[in-house]
PDB file of all heavy atoms in Angstrom:
ATOM      1  N   TYR A   1     -18.900  -5.805   7.181  1.00  0.00           N
ATOM      2  CA  TYR A   1     -19.501  -6.350   8.373  1.00  0.00           C
ATOM      3  C   TYR A   1     -20.934  -5.726   8.564  1.00  0.00           C
ATOM      4  O   TYR A   1     -21.199  -4.632   8.028  1.00  0.00           O
ATOM      5  CB  TYR A   1     -18.662  -6.091   9.629  1.00  0.00           C
ATOM      6  CG  TYR A   1     -18.640  -4.570  10.072  1.00  0.00           C
ATOM      7  CD1 TYR A   1     -19.552  -4.055  10.974  1.00  0.00           C
ATOM      8  CD2 TYR A   1     -17.664  -3.732   9.500  1.00  0.00           C
ATOM      9  CE1 TYR A   1     -19.544  -2.753  11.350  1.00  0.00           C
ATOM     10  CE2 TYR A   1     -17.611  -2.416   9.878  1.00  0.00           C
ATOM     11  CZ  TYR A   1     -18.534  -1.922  10.829  1.00  0.00           C
ATOM     12  OH  TYR A   1     -18.491  -0.593  11.169  1.00  0.00           O
ATOM     13  N   TRP A   2     -21.753  -6.525   9.233  1.00  0.00           N
ATOM     14  CA  TRP A   2     -23.158  -5.995   9.434  1.00  0.00           C
ATOM     15  C   TRP A   2     -23.267  -5.145  10.621  1.00  0.00           C
ATOM     16  O   TRP A   2     -22.879  -5.506  11.701  1.00  0.00           O
ATOM     17  CB  TRP A   2     -24.120  -7.234   9.518  1.00  0.00           C
ATOM     18  CG  TRP A   2     -25.567  -6.737   9.672  1.00  0.00           C
ATOM     19  CD1 TRP A   2     -26.309  -6.719  10.869  1.00  0.00           C
ATOM     20  CD2 TRP A   2     -26.441  -6.291   8.642  1.00  0.00           C
ATOM     21  NE1 TRP A   2     -27.594  -6.197  10.533  1.00  0.00           N
ATOM     22  CE2 TRP A   2     -27.623  -5.937   9.157  1.00  0.00           C
ATOM     23  CE3 TRP A   2     -26.214  -6.116   7.246  1.00  0.00           C
ATOM     24  CZ2 TRP A   2     -28.749  -5.484   8.444  1.00  0.00           C
ATOM     25  CZ3 TRP A   2     -27.254  -5.613   6.536  1.00  0.00           C
ATOM     26  CH2 TRP A   2     -28.499  -5.290   7.108  1.00  0.00           C
ATOM     27  N   ASP A   3     -23.798  -3.904  10.414  1.00  0.00           N
ATOM     28  CA  ASP A   3     -23.995  -2.973  11.504  1.00  0.00           C
ATOM     29  C   ASP A   3     -25.493  -2.967  11.928  1.00  0.00           C
ATOM     30  O   ASP A   3     -26.296  -2.488  11.123  1.00  0.00           O
ATOM     31  CB  ASP A   3     -23.557  -1.525  11.113  1.00  0.00           C
ATOM     32  CG  ASP A   3     -23.585  -0.522  12.182  1.00  0.00           C
ATOM     33  OD1 ASP A   3     -24.626  -0.461  12.900  1.00  0.00           O
ATOM     34  OD2 ASP A   3     -22.566   0.167  12.423  1.00  0.00           O
ATOM     35  N   ASP A   4     -25.793  -3.555  13.063  1.00  0.00           N
ATOM     36  CA  ASP A   4     -27.190  -3.621  13.510  1.00  0.00           C
ATOM     37  C   ASP A   4     -27.816  -2.280  13.656  1.00  0.00           C
ATOM     38  O   ASP A   4     -29.003  -2.079  13.301  1.00  0.00           O
ATOM     39  CB  ASP A   4     -27.280  -4.388  14.831  1.00  0.00           C
ATOM     40  CG  ASP A   4     -27.164  -5.902  14.581  1.00  0.00           C
ATOM     41  OD1 ASP A   4     -27.621  -6.420  13.581  1.00  0.00           O
ATOM     42  OD2 ASP A   4     -26.541  -6.583  15.477  1.00  0.00           O
ATOM     43  N   ASP A   5     -27.055  -1.298  14.211  1.00  0.00           N
ATOM     44  CA  ASP A   5     -27.673   0.009  14.465  1.00  0.00           C
ATOM     45  C   ASP A   5     -28.035   0.711  13.142  1.00  0.00           C
ATOM     46  O   ASP A   5     -29.105   1.413  13.081  1.00  0.00           O
ATOM     47  CB  ASP A   5     -26.700   0.888  15.194  1.00  0.00           C
ATOM     48  CG  ASP A   5     -26.453   0.418  16.636  1.00  0.00           C
ATOM     49  OD1 ASP A   5     -27.338  -0.265  17.171  1.00  0.00           O
ATOM     50  OD2 ASP A   5     -25.346   0.676  17.188  1.00  0.00           O
ATOM     51  N   GLN A   6     -27.276   0.568  12.112  1.00  0.00           N
ATOM     52  CA  GLN A   6     -27.555   1.216  10.795  1.00  0.00           C
ATOM     53  C   GLN A   6     -28.321   0.287   9.878  1.00  0.00           C
ATOM     54  O   GLN A   6     -28.730   0.695   8.764  1.00  0.00           O
ATOM     55  CB  GLN A   6     -26.215   1.592  10.166  1.00  0.00           C
ATOM     56  CG  GLN A   6     -25.463   2.638  10.973  1.00  0.00           C
ATOM     57  CD  GLN A   6     -24.177   3.054  10.204  1.00  0.00           C
ATOM     58  OE1 GLN A   6     -24.294   3.709   9.196  1.00  0.00           O
ATOM     59  NE2 GLN A   6     -23.033   2.774  10.741  1.00  0.00           N
ATOM     60  N   ASN A   7     -28.440  -1.002  10.234  1.00  0.00           N
ATOM     61  CA  ASN A   7     -29.189  -2.007   9.467  1.00  0.00           C
ATOM     62  C   ASN A   7     -28.588  -2.100   8.069  1.00  0.00           C
ATOM     63  O   ASN A   7     -29.340  -2.068   7.058  1.00  0.00           O
ATOM     64  CB  ASN A   7     -30.657  -1.659   9.445  1.00  0.00           C
ATOM     65  CG  ASN A   7     -31.502  -2.788   8.894  1.00  0.00           C
ATOM     66  OD1 ASN A   7     -31.257  -3.966   9.175  1.00  0.00           O
ATOM     67  ND2 ASN A   7     -32.514  -2.461   8.105  1.00  0.00           N
ATOM     68  N   ARG A   8     -27.249  -2.159   7.944  1.00  0.00           N
ATOM     69  CA  ARG A   8     -26.655  -2.275   6.622  1.00  0.00           C
ATOM     70  C   ARG A   8     -25.223  -2.895   6.740  1.00  0.00           C
ATOM     71  O   ARG A   8     -24.668  -3.002   7.843  1.00  0.00           O
ATOM     72  CB  ARG A   8     -26.492  -0.866   5.998  1.00  0.00           C
ATOM     73  CG  ARG A   8     -25.486   0.048   6.713  1.00  0.00           C
ATOM     74  CD  ARG A   8     -25.407   1.373   5.978  1.00  0.00           C
ATOM     75  NE  ARG A   8     -24.483   2.354   6.699  1.00  0.00           N
ATOM     76  CZ  ARG A   8     -23.204   2.473   6.359  1.00  0.00           C
ATOM     77  NH1 ARG A   8     -22.658   1.832   5.352  1.00  0.00           N
ATOM     78  NH2 ARG A   8     -22.425   3.399   6.967  1.00  0.00           N
ATOM     79  N   TRP A   9     -24.746  -3.330   5.599  1.00  0.00           N
ATOM     80  CA  TRP A   9     -23.376  -3.781   5.505  1.00  0.00           C
ATOM     81  C   TRP A   9     -22.448  -2.648   5.333  1.00  0.00           C
ATOM     82  O   TRP A   9     -22.708  -1.706   4.532  1.00  0.00           O
ATOM     83  CB  TRP A   9     -23.247  -4.727   4.309  1.00  0.00           C
ATOM     84  CG  TRP A   9     -23.854  -6.047   4.437  1.00  0.00           C
ATOM     85  CD1 TRP A   9     -25.075  -6.393   3.847  1.00  0.00           C
ATOM     86  CD2 TRP A   9     -23.443  -7.175   5.175  1.00  0.00           C
ATOM     87  NE1 TRP A   9     -25.347  -7.691   4.171  1.00  0.00           N
ATOM     88  CE2 TRP A   9     -24.402  -8.203   5.024  1.00  0.00           C
ATOM     89  CE3 TRP A   9     -22.353  -7.406   5.999  1.00  0.00           C
ATOM     90  CZ2 TRP A   9     -24.254  -9.435   5.605  1.00  0.00           C
ATOM     91  CZ3 TRP A   9     -22.181  -8.667   6.574  1.00  0.00           C
ATOM     92  CH2 TRP A   9     -23.138  -9.670   6.352  1.00  0.00           C
ATOM     93  N   VAL A  10     -21.398  -2.582   6.159  1.00  0.00           N
ATOM     94  CA  VAL A  10     -20.404  -1.498   6.132  1.00  0.00           C
ATOM     95  C   VAL A  10     -19.176  -2.060   5.391  1.00  0.00           C
ATOM     96  O   VAL A  10     -18.648  -3.145   5.846  1.00  0.00           O
ATOM     97  CB  VAL A  10     -20.025  -1.005   7.507  1.00  0.00           C
ATOM     98  CG1 VAL A  10     -18.952   0.033   7.444  1.00  0.00           C
ATOM     99  CG2 VAL A  10     -21.274  -0.450   8.248  1.00  0.00           C
ATOM    100  N   ARG A  11     -18.708  -1.440   4.384  1.00  0.00           N
ATOM    101  CA  ARG A  11     -17.506  -1.924   3.628  1.00  0.00           C
ATOM    102  C   ARG A  11     -16.246  -1.248   4.103  1.00  0.00           C
ATOM    103  O   ARG A  11     -16.213   0.001   4.210  1.00  0.00           O
ATOM    104  CB  ARG A  11     -17.757  -1.649   2.122  1.00  0.00           C
ATOM    105  CG  ARG A  11     -18.876  -2.521   1.524  1.00  0.00           C
ATOM    106  CD  ARG A  11     -19.070  -2.295   0.082  1.00  0.00           C
ATOM    107  NE  ARG A  11     -19.986  -3.296  -0.460  1.00  0.00           N
ATOM    108  CZ  ARG A  11     -20.402  -3.391  -1.710  1.00  0.00           C
ATOM    109  NH1 ARG A  11     -19.915  -2.471  -2.575  1.00  0.00           N
ATOM    110  NH2 ARG A  11     -21.188  -4.336  -2.113  1.00  0.00           N
ATOM    111  N   VAL A  12     -15.280  -2.094   4.422  1.00  0.00           N
ATOM    112  CA  VAL A  12     -13.992  -1.609   4.958  1.00  0.00           C
ATOM    113  C   VAL A  12     -12.914  -2.025   4.021  1.00  0.00           C
ATOM    114  O   VAL A  12     -12.679  -3.245   3.755  1.00  0.00           O
ATOM    115  CB  VAL A  12     -13.755  -2.115   6.355  1.00  0.00           C
ATOM    116  CG1 VAL A  12     -12.420  -1.572   6.972  1.00  0.00           C
ATOM    117  CG2 VAL A  12     -14.926  -1.863   7.278  1.00  0.00           C
ATOM    118  N   ASP A  13     -12.007  -1.137   3.619  1.00  0.00           N
ATOM    119  CA  ASP A  13     -10.804  -1.511   2.855  1.00  0.00           C
ATOM    120  C   ASP A  13      -9.713  -1.881   3.926  1.00  0.00           C
ATOM    121  O   ASP A  13      -8.963  -1.002   4.331  1.00  0.00           O
ATOM    122  CB  ASP A  13     -10.388  -0.388   1.942  1.00  0.00           C
ATOM    123  CG  ASP A  13      -9.235  -0.888   1.023  1.00  0.00           C
ATOM    124  OD1 ASP A  13      -8.470  -1.804   1.375  1.00  0.00           O
ATOM    125  OD2 ASP A  13      -9.026  -0.247  -0.027  1.00  0.00           O
ATOM    126  N   THR A  14      -9.724  -3.105   4.282  1.00  0.00           N
ATOM    127  CA  THR A  14      -8.890  -3.590   5.391  1.00  0.00           C
ATOM    128  C   THR A  14      -7.389  -3.274   5.096  1.00  0.00           C
ATOM    129  O   THR A  14      -6.689  -2.770   5.956  1.00  0.00           O
ATOM    130  CB  THR A  14      -9.073  -5.106   5.606  1.00  0.00           C
ATOM    131  OG1 THR A  14     -10.447  -5.300   6.025  1.00  0.00           O
ATOM    132  CG2 THR A  14      -8.174  -5.552   6.745  1.00  0.00           C
ATOM    133  N   GLU A  15      -6.981  -3.523   3.881  1.00  0.00           N
ATOM    134  CA  GLU A  15      -5.603  -3.338   3.535  1.00  0.00           C
ATOM    135  C   GLU A  15      -5.146  -1.873   3.602  1.00  0.00           C
ATOM    136  O   GLU A  15      -3.997  -1.575   3.954  1.00  0.00           O
ATOM    137  CB  GLU A  15      -5.279  -3.869   2.146  1.00  0.00           C
ATOM    138  CG  GLU A  15      -3.829  -3.749   1.724  1.00  0.00           C
ATOM    139  CD  GLU A  15      -3.565  -4.211   0.320  1.00  0.00           C
ATOM    140  OE1 GLU A  15      -4.456  -4.639  -0.374  1.00  0.00           O
ATOM    141  OE2 GLU A  15      -2.355  -4.225  -0.047  1.00  0.00           O
ATOM    142  N   HIS A  16      -6.064  -0.951   3.337  1.00  0.00           N
ATOM    143  CA  HIS A  16      -5.691   0.440   3.208  1.00  0.00           C
ATOM    144  C   HIS A  16      -6.290   1.414   4.201  1.00  0.00           C
ATOM    145  O   HIS A  16      -6.366   2.610   4.002  1.00  0.00           O
ATOM    146  CB  HIS A  16      -6.054   0.911   1.791  1.00  0.00           C
ATOM    147  CG  HIS A  16      -5.291   0.175   0.739  1.00  0.00           C
ATOM    148  ND1 HIS A  16      -5.915  -0.624  -0.203  1.00  0.00           N
ATOM    149  CD2 HIS A  16      -3.957   0.103   0.445  1.00  0.00           C
ATOM    150  CE1 HIS A  16      -5.033  -1.157  -1.006  1.00  0.00           C
ATOM    151  NE2 HIS A  16      -3.849  -0.721  -0.634  1.00  0.00           N
ATOM    152  N   LEU A  17      -6.677   0.838   5.357  1.00  0.00           N
ATOM    153  CA  LEU A  17      -7.094   1.743   6.467  1.00  0.00           C
ATOM    154  C   LEU A  17      -5.946   2.633   6.823  1.00  0.00           C
ATOM    155  O   LEU A  17      -4.739   2.209   6.875  1.00  0.00           O
ATOM    156  CB  LEU A  17      -7.471   0.877   7.666  1.00  0.00           C
ATOM    157  CG  LEU A  17      -8.865   0.210   7.607  1.00  0.00           C
ATOM    158  CD1 LEU A  17      -9.018  -0.700   8.791  1.00  0.00           C
ATOM    159  CD2 LEU A  17      -9.964   1.279   7.644  1.00  0.00           C
ATOM    160  N   GLY A  18      -6.242   3.924   7.110  1.00  0.00           N
ATOM    161  CA  GLY A  18      -5.222   4.861   7.482  1.00  0.00           C
ATOM    162  C   GLY A  18      -4.461   5.475   6.273  1.00  0.00           C
ATOM    163  O   GLY A  18      -3.645   6.362   6.439  1.00  0.00           O
ATOM    164  N   LYS A  19      -4.858   5.055   5.105  1.00  0.00           N
ATOM    165  CA  LYS A  19      -4.277   5.715   3.844  1.00  0.00           C
ATOM    166  C   LYS A  19      -5.251   6.634   3.241  1.00  0.00           C
ATOM    167  O   LYS A  19      -6.399   6.619   3.604  1.00  0.00           O
ATOM    168  CB  LYS A  19      -3.829   4.563   2.894  1.00  0.00           C
ATOM    169  CG  LYS A  19      -2.783   3.627   3.512  1.00  0.00           C
ATOM    170  CD  LYS A  19      -2.404   2.548   2.558  1.00  0.00           C
ATOM    171  CE  LYS A  19      -1.376   1.572   3.184  1.00  0.00           C
ATOM    172  NZ  LYS A  19      -1.035   0.434   2.321  1.00  0.00           N
ATOM    173  N   ASN A  20      -4.806   7.453   2.329  1.00  0.00           N
ATOM    174  CA  ASN A  20      -5.656   8.512   1.830  1.00  0.00           C
ATOM    175  C   ASN A  20      -6.219   8.288   0.486  1.00  0.00           C
ATOM    176  O   ASN A  20      -6.455   9.289  -0.312  1.00  0.00           O
ATOM    177  CB  ASN A  20      -4.886   9.852   1.929  1.00  0.00           C
ATOM    178  CG  ASN A  20      -3.599   9.807   0.996  1.00  0.00           C
ATOM    179  OD1 ASN A  20      -3.342   8.800   0.354  1.00  0.00           O
ATOM    180  ND2 ASN A  20      -2.861  10.860   0.994  1.00  0.00           N
ATOM    181  N   TYR A  21      -6.462   6.999   0.134  1.00  0.00           N
ATOM    182  CA  TYR A  21      -7.073   6.806  -1.221  1.00  0.00           C
ATOM    183  C   TYR A  21      -8.489   7.345  -1.227  1.00  0.00           C
ATOM    184  O   TYR A  21      -8.957   7.848  -2.259  1.00  0.00           O
ATOM    185  CB  TYR A  21      -7.089   5.279  -1.481  1.00  0.00           C
ATOM    186  CG  TYR A  21      -5.736   4.690  -1.830  1.00  0.00           C
ATOM    187  CD1 TYR A  21      -5.124   3.792  -0.950  1.00  0.00           C
ATOM    188  CD2 TYR A  21      -5.086   5.027  -2.982  1.00  0.00           C
ATOM    189  CE1 TYR A  21      -3.909   3.197  -1.199  1.00  0.00           C
ATOM    190  CE2 TYR A  21      -3.858   4.463  -3.290  1.00  0.00           C
ATOM    191  CZ  TYR A  21      -3.251   3.564  -2.386  1.00  0.00           C
ATOM    192  OH  TYR A  21      -2.009   2.991  -2.701  1.00  0.00           O
ATOM    193  N   VAL A  22      -9.170   7.194  -0.131  1.00  0.00           N
ATOM    194  CA  VAL A  22     -10.583   7.663  -0.036  1.00  0.00           C
ATOM    195  C   VAL A  22     -10.711   8.401   1.373  1.00  0.00           C
ATOM    196  O   VAL A  22      -9.881   8.238   2.258  1.00  0.00           O
ATOM    197  CB  VAL A  22     -11.620   6.590  -0.143  1.00  0.00           C
ATOM    198  CG1 VAL A  22     -11.646   5.990  -1.532  1.00  0.00           C
ATOM    199  CG2 VAL A  22     -11.339   5.457   0.875  1.00  0.00           C
ATOM    200  N   ASP A  23     -11.772   9.128   1.477  1.00  0.00           N
ATOM    201  CA  ASP A  23     -12.012   9.849   2.787  1.00  0.00           C
ATOM    202  C   ASP A  23     -12.301   8.873   3.940  1.00  0.00           C
ATOM    203  O   ASP A  23     -11.807   9.086   5.065  1.00  0.00           O
ATOM    204  CB  ASP A  23     -13.169  10.809   2.669  1.00  0.00           C
ATOM    205  CG  ASP A  23     -12.931  11.966   1.772  1.00  0.00           C
ATOM    206  OD1 ASP A  23     -11.717  12.323   1.590  1.00  0.00           O
ATOM    207  OD2 ASP A  23     -13.843  12.580   1.187  1.00  0.00           O
ATOM    208  N   ARG A  24     -13.020   7.790   3.670  1.00  0.00           N
ATOM    209  CA  ARG A  24     -13.443   6.897   4.733  1.00  0.00           C
ATOM    210  C   ARG A  24     -13.161   5.461   4.329  1.00  0.00           C
ATOM    211  O   ARG A  24     -14.109   4.752   3.982  1.00  0.00           O
ATOM    212  CB  ARG A  24     -14.886   7.102   5.053  1.00  0.00           C
ATOM    213  CG  ARG A  24     -15.302   8.417   5.706  1.00  0.00           C
ATOM    214  CD  ARG A  24     -14.897   8.477   7.156  1.00  0.00           C
ATOM    215  NE  ARG A  24     -15.444   7.383   7.938  1.00  0.00           N
ATOM    216  CZ  ARG A  24     -16.617   7.337   8.514  1.00  0.00           C
ATOM    217  NH1 ARG A  24     -17.463   8.354   8.342  1.00  0.00           N
ATOM    218  NH2 ARG A  24     -17.015   6.323   9.241  1.00  0.00           N
ATOM    219  N   PRO A  25     -11.934   4.971   4.403  1.00  0.00           N
ATOM    220  CA  PRO A  25     -11.690   3.607   4.093  1.00  0.00           C
ATOM    221  C   PRO A  25     -12.326   2.628   5.105  1.00  0.00           C
ATOM    222  O   PRO A  25     -12.513   1.456   4.797  1.00  0.00           O
ATOM    223  CB  PRO A  25     -10.127   3.472   4.183  1.00  0.00           C
ATOM    224  CG  PRO A  25      -9.730   4.589   5.016  1.00  0.00           C
ATOM    225  CD  PRO A  25     -10.711   5.681   4.799  1.00  0.00           C
ATOM    226  N   ASP A  26     -12.776   3.174   6.238  1.00  0.00           N
ATOM    227  CA  ASP A  26     -13.509   2.360   7.203  1.00  0.00           C
ATOM    228  C   ASP A  26     -14.989   2.255   6.924  1.00  0.00           C
ATOM    229  O   ASP A  26     -15.715   1.508   7.571  1.00  0.00           O
ATOM    230  CB  ASP A  26     -13.300   2.951   8.610  1.00  0.00           C
ATOM    231  CG  ASP A  26     -13.910   4.358   8.710  1.00  0.00           C
ATOM    232  OD1 ASP A  26     -13.746   5.147   7.743  1.00  0.00           O
ATOM    233  OD2 ASP A  26     -14.454   4.727   9.788  1.00  0.00           O
ATOM    234  N   ASP A  27     -15.447   3.043   5.917  1.00  0.00           N
ATOM    235  CA  ASP A  27     -16.849   2.956   5.500  1.00  0.00           C
ATOM    236  C   ASP A  27     -16.928   3.490   4.072  1.00  0.00           C
ATOM    237  O   ASP A  27     -17.340   4.644   3.832  1.00  0.00           O
ATOM    238  CB  ASP A  27     -17.732   3.833   6.474  1.00  0.00           C
ATOM    239  CG  ASP A  27     -19.223   3.764   6.224  1.00  0.00           C
ATOM    240  OD1 ASP A  27     -19.598   2.940   5.322  1.00  0.00           O
ATOM    241  OD2 ASP A  27     -19.994   4.439   6.913  1.00  0.00           O
ATOM    242  N   LEU A  28     -16.609   2.653   3.158  1.00  0.00           N
ATOM    243  CA  LEU A  28     -16.482   3.028   1.775  1.00  0.00           C
ATOM    244  C   LEU A  28     -17.839   3.504   1.253  1.00  0.00           C
ATOM    245  O   LEU A  28     -18.911   2.928   1.467  1.00  0.00           O
ATOM    246  CB  LEU A  28     -16.015   1.847   0.909  1.00  0.00           C
ATOM    247  CG  LEU A  28     -14.601   1.366   1.195  1.00  0.00           C
ATOM    248  CD1 LEU A  28     -14.326   0.086   0.459  1.00  0.00           C
ATOM    249  CD2 LEU A  28     -13.561   2.442   0.782  1.00  0.00           C
ATOM    250  N   ALA A  29     -17.786   4.624   0.529  1.00  0.00           N
ATOM    251  CA  ALA A  29     -18.973   5.214  -0.031  1.00  0.00           C
ATOM    252  C   ALA A  29     -19.451   4.450  -1.278  1.00  0.00           C
ATOM    253  O   ALA A  29     -18.583   3.781  -1.922  1.00  0.00           O
ATOM    254  CB  ALA A  29     -18.706   6.691  -0.457  1.00  0.00           C
ATOM    255  N   PRO A  30     -20.720   4.493  -1.620  1.00  0.00           N
ATOM    256  CA  PRO A  30     -21.181   3.769  -2.818  1.00  0.00           C
ATOM    257  C   PRO A  30     -20.323   4.169  -4.042  1.00  0.00           C
ATOM    258  O   PRO A  30     -20.158   5.335  -4.270  1.00  0.00           O
ATOM    259  CB  PRO A  30     -22.652   4.270  -2.914  1.00  0.00           C
ATOM    260  CG  PRO A  30     -23.079   4.570  -1.558  1.00  0.00           C
ATOM    261  CD  PRO A  30     -21.805   5.155  -0.885  1.00  0.00           C
ATOM    262  N   GLY A  31     -19.965   3.162  -4.799  1.00  0.00           N
ATOM    263  CA  GLY A  31     -19.194   3.397  -6.033  1.00  0.00           C
ATOM    264  C   GLY A  31     -17.721   3.376  -5.872  1.00  0.00           C
ATOM    265  O   GLY A  31     -16.951   3.222  -6.818  1.00  0.00           O
ATOM    266  N   GLU A  32     -17.238   3.555  -4.594  1.00  0.00           N
ATOM    267  CA  GLU A  32     -15.775   3.526  -4.389  1.00  0.00           C
ATOM    268  C   GLU A  32     -15.228   2.112  -4.558  1.00  0.00           C
ATOM    269  O   GLU A  32     -14.074   1.924  -5.028  1.00  0.00           O
ATOM    270  CB  GLU A  32     -15.447   4.097  -3.040  1.00  0.00           C
ATOM    271  CG  GLU A  32     -15.643   5.557  -2.927  1.00  0.00           C
ATOM    272  CD  GLU A  32     -15.284   6.158  -1.577  1.00  0.00           C
ATOM    273  OE1 GLU A  32     -15.289   5.463  -0.557  1.00  0.00           O
ATOM    274  OE2 GLU A  32     -15.028   7.375  -1.558  1.00  0.00           O
ATOM    275  N   PHE A  33     -16.021   1.127  -4.128  1.00  0.00           N
ATOM    276  CA  PHE A  33     -15.721  -0.238  -4.430  1.00  0.00           C
ATOM    277  C   PHE A  33     -16.880  -0.891  -5.102  1.00  0.00           C
ATOM    278  O   PHE A  33     -18.052  -0.719  -4.625  1.00  0.00           O
ATOM    279  CB  PHE A  33     -15.397  -1.039  -3.105  1.00  0.00           C
ATOM    280  CG  PHE A  33     -15.180  -2.480  -3.274  1.00  0.00           C
ATOM    281  CD1 PHE A  33     -13.970  -3.019  -3.707  1.00  0.00           C
ATOM    282  CD2 PHE A  33     -16.249  -3.365  -3.120  1.00  0.00           C
ATOM    283  CE1 PHE A  33     -13.829  -4.407  -3.910  1.00  0.00           C
ATOM    284  CE2 PHE A  33     -16.105  -4.756  -3.345  1.00  0.00           C
ATOM    285  CZ  PHE A  33     -14.875  -5.237  -3.692  1.00  0.00           C
ATOM    286  N   LEU A  34     -16.658  -1.533  -6.223  1.00  0.00           N
ATOM    287  CA  LEU A  34     -17.723  -2.280  -6.905  1.00  0.00           C
ATOM    288  C   LEU A  34     -17.413  -3.754  -6.868  1.00  0.00           C
ATOM    289  O   LEU A  34     -16.344  -4.195  -7.218  1.00  0.00           O
ATOM    290  CB  LEU A  34     -17.792  -1.829  -8.398  1.00  0.00           C
ATOM    291  CG  LEU A  34     -18.139  -0.369  -8.656  1.00  0.00           C
ATOM    292  CD1 LEU A  34     -18.073  -0.104 -10.188  1.00  0.00           C
ATOM    293  CD2 LEU A  34     -19.522  -0.015  -8.096  1.00  0.00           C
ATOM    294  N   THR A  35     -18.345  -4.544  -6.357  1.00  0.00           N
ATOM    295  CA  THR A  35     -18.169  -5.949  -6.431  1.00  0.00           C
ATOM    296  C   THR A  35     -18.188  -6.364  -7.928  1.00  0.00           C
ATOM    297  O   THR A  35     -18.506  -5.603  -8.813  1.00  0.00           O
ATOM    298  CB  THR A  35     -19.369  -6.766  -5.777  1.00  0.00           C
ATOM    299  OG1 THR A  35     -20.584  -6.454  -6.529  1.00  0.00           O
ATOM    300  CG2 THR A  35     -19.522  -6.315  -4.281  1.00  0.00           C
ATOM    301  N   GLY A  36     -17.713  -7.639  -8.185  1.00  0.00           N
ATOM    302  CA  GLY A  36     -17.766  -8.074  -9.542  1.00  0.00           C
ATOM    303  C   GLY A  36     -19.078  -7.973 -10.181  1.00  0.00           C
ATOM    304  O   GLY A  36     -19.235  -7.536 -11.337  1.00  0.00           O
ATOM    305  N   GLY A  37     -20.110  -8.336  -9.422  1.00  0.00           N
ATOM    306  CA  GLY A  37     -21.477  -8.262  -9.974  1.00  0.00           C
ATOM    307  C   GLY A  37     -21.948  -6.878 -10.219  1.00  0.00           C
ATOM    308  O   GLY A  37     -22.581  -6.553 -11.239  1.00  0.00           O
ATOM    309  N   GLU A  38     -21.594  -5.919  -9.290  1.00  0.00           N
ATOM    310  CA  GLU A  38     -21.966  -4.545  -9.488  1.00  0.00           C
ATOM    311  C   GLU A  38     -21.309  -3.942 -10.752  1.00  0.00           C
ATOM    312  O   GLU A  38     -21.940  -3.160 -11.500  1.00  0.00           O
ATOM    313  CB  GLU A  38     -21.595  -3.717  -8.247  1.00  0.00           C
ATOM    314  CG  GLU A  38     -22.459  -4.072  -7.007  1.00  0.00           C
ATOM    315  CD  GLU A  38     -21.897  -3.518  -5.712  1.00  0.00           C
ATOM    316  OE1 GLU A  38     -20.758  -3.086  -5.713  1.00  0.00           O
ATOM    317  OE2 GLU A  38     -22.623  -3.659  -4.720  1.00  0.00           O
ATOM    318  N   ALA A  39     -20.039  -4.301 -10.966  1.00  0.00           N
ATOM    319  CA  ALA A  39     -19.325  -3.804 -12.109  1.00  0.00           C
ATOM    320  C   ALA A  39     -19.934  -4.422 -13.402  1.00  0.00           C
ATOM    321  O   ALA A  39     -20.065  -3.757 -14.460  1.00  0.00           O
ATOM    322  CB  ALA A  39     -17.831  -4.126 -12.037  1.00  0.00           C
ATOM    323  N   TRP A  40     -20.317  -5.680 -13.325  1.00  0.00           N
ATOM    324  CA  TRP A  40     -20.881  -6.370 -14.499  1.00  0.00           C
ATOM    325  C   TRP A  40     -22.174  -5.674 -14.903  1.00  0.00           C
ATOM    326  O   TRP A  40     -22.471  -5.476 -16.093  1.00  0.00           O
ATOM    327  CB  TRP A  40     -21.100  -7.855 -14.211  1.00  0.00           C
ATOM    328  CG  TRP A  40     -21.679  -8.599 -15.310  1.00  0.00           C
ATOM    329  CD1 TRP A  40     -23.027  -8.920 -15.567  1.00  0.00           C
ATOM    330  CD2 TRP A  40     -20.954  -9.127 -16.478  1.00  0.00           C
ATOM    331  NE1 TRP A  40     -23.161  -9.663 -16.754  1.00  0.00           N
ATOM    332  CE2 TRP A  40     -21.929  -9.754 -17.318  1.00  0.00           C
ATOM    333  CE3 TRP A  40     -19.648  -9.149 -16.853  1.00  0.00           C
ATOM    334  CZ2 TRP A  40     -21.577 -10.399 -18.489  1.00  0.00           C
ATOM    335  CZ3 TRP A  40     -19.277  -9.774 -18.014  1.00  0.00           C
ATOM    336  CH2 TRP A  40     -20.249 -10.388 -18.832  1.00  0.00           C
ATOM    337  N   ILE A  41     -23.051  -5.400 -13.948  1.00  0.00           N
ATOM    338  CA  ILE A  41     -24.357  -4.700 -14.209  1.00  0.00           C
ATOM    339  C   ILE A  41     -24.051  -3.401 -14.874  1.00  0.00           C
ATOM    340  O   ILE A  41     -24.738  -3.026 -15.872  1.00  0.00           O
ATOM    341  CB  ILE A  41     -25.145  -4.560 -12.892  1.00  0.00           C
ATOM    342  CG1 ILE A  41     -25.672  -5.972 -12.437  1.00  0.00           C
ATOM    343  CG2 ILE A  41     -26.340  -3.591 -13.172  1.00  0.00           C
ATOM    344  CD1 ILE A  41     -26.309  -5.898 -11.039  1.00  0.00           C
ATOM    345  N   ARG A  42     -23.102  -2.640 -14.412  1.00  0.00           N
ATOM    346  CA  ARG A  42     -22.762  -1.324 -15.010  1.00  0.00           C
ATOM    347  C   ARG A  42     -22.229  -1.534 -16.449  1.00  0.00           C
ATOM    348  O   ARG A  42     -22.545  -0.745 -17.297  1.00  0.00           O
ATOM    349  CB  ARG A  42     -21.792  -0.632 -14.153  1.00  0.00           C
ATOM    350  CG  ARG A  42     -22.416  -0.014 -12.882  1.00  0.00           C
ATOM    351  CD  ARG A  42     -21.326   0.391 -11.849  1.00  0.00           C
ATOM    352  NE  ARG A  42     -21.884   1.064 -10.698  1.00  0.00           N
ATOM    353  CZ  ARG A  42     -22.634   0.527  -9.781  1.00  0.00           C
ATOM    354  NH1 ARG A  42     -22.896  -0.702  -9.768  1.00  0.00           N
ATOM    355  NH2 ARG A  42     -23.072   1.305  -8.715  1.00  0.00           N
ATOM    356  N   TYR A  43     -21.425  -2.562 -16.652  1.00  0.00           N
ATOM    357  CA  TYR A  43     -20.932  -2.873 -18.026  1.00  0.00           C
ATOM    358  C   TYR A  43     -22.061  -3.183 -18.916  1.00  0.00           C
ATOM    359  O   TYR A  43     -22.159  -2.643 -20.020  1.00  0.00           O
ATOM    360  CB  TYR A  43     -19.938  -3.964 -17.910  1.00  0.00           C
ATOM    361  CG  TYR A  43     -19.769  -4.804 -19.174  1.00  0.00           C
ATOM    362  CD1 TYR A  43     -19.490  -4.233 -20.423  1.00  0.00           C
ATOM    363  CD2 TYR A  43     -19.964  -6.201 -19.171  1.00  0.00           C
ATOM    364  CE1 TYR A  43     -19.372  -4.975 -21.537  1.00  0.00           C
ATOM    365  CE2 TYR A  43     -19.884  -6.941 -20.288  1.00  0.00           C
ATOM    366  CZ  TYR A  43     -19.565  -6.371 -21.492  1.00  0.00           C
ATOM    367  OH  TYR A  43     -19.485  -7.135 -22.612  1.00  0.00           O
TER     368      TYR A  43
END
């Protein structure tokens, strides 16, 4: 979702909120989730 105050898209792991896969599933850190395009560029 777009956060006007921070002027950025905030990534949320909706399925896994409240779980301990990452520190902040409500605000995924860079690299914790890669879009298909982001993974392709890295490949």
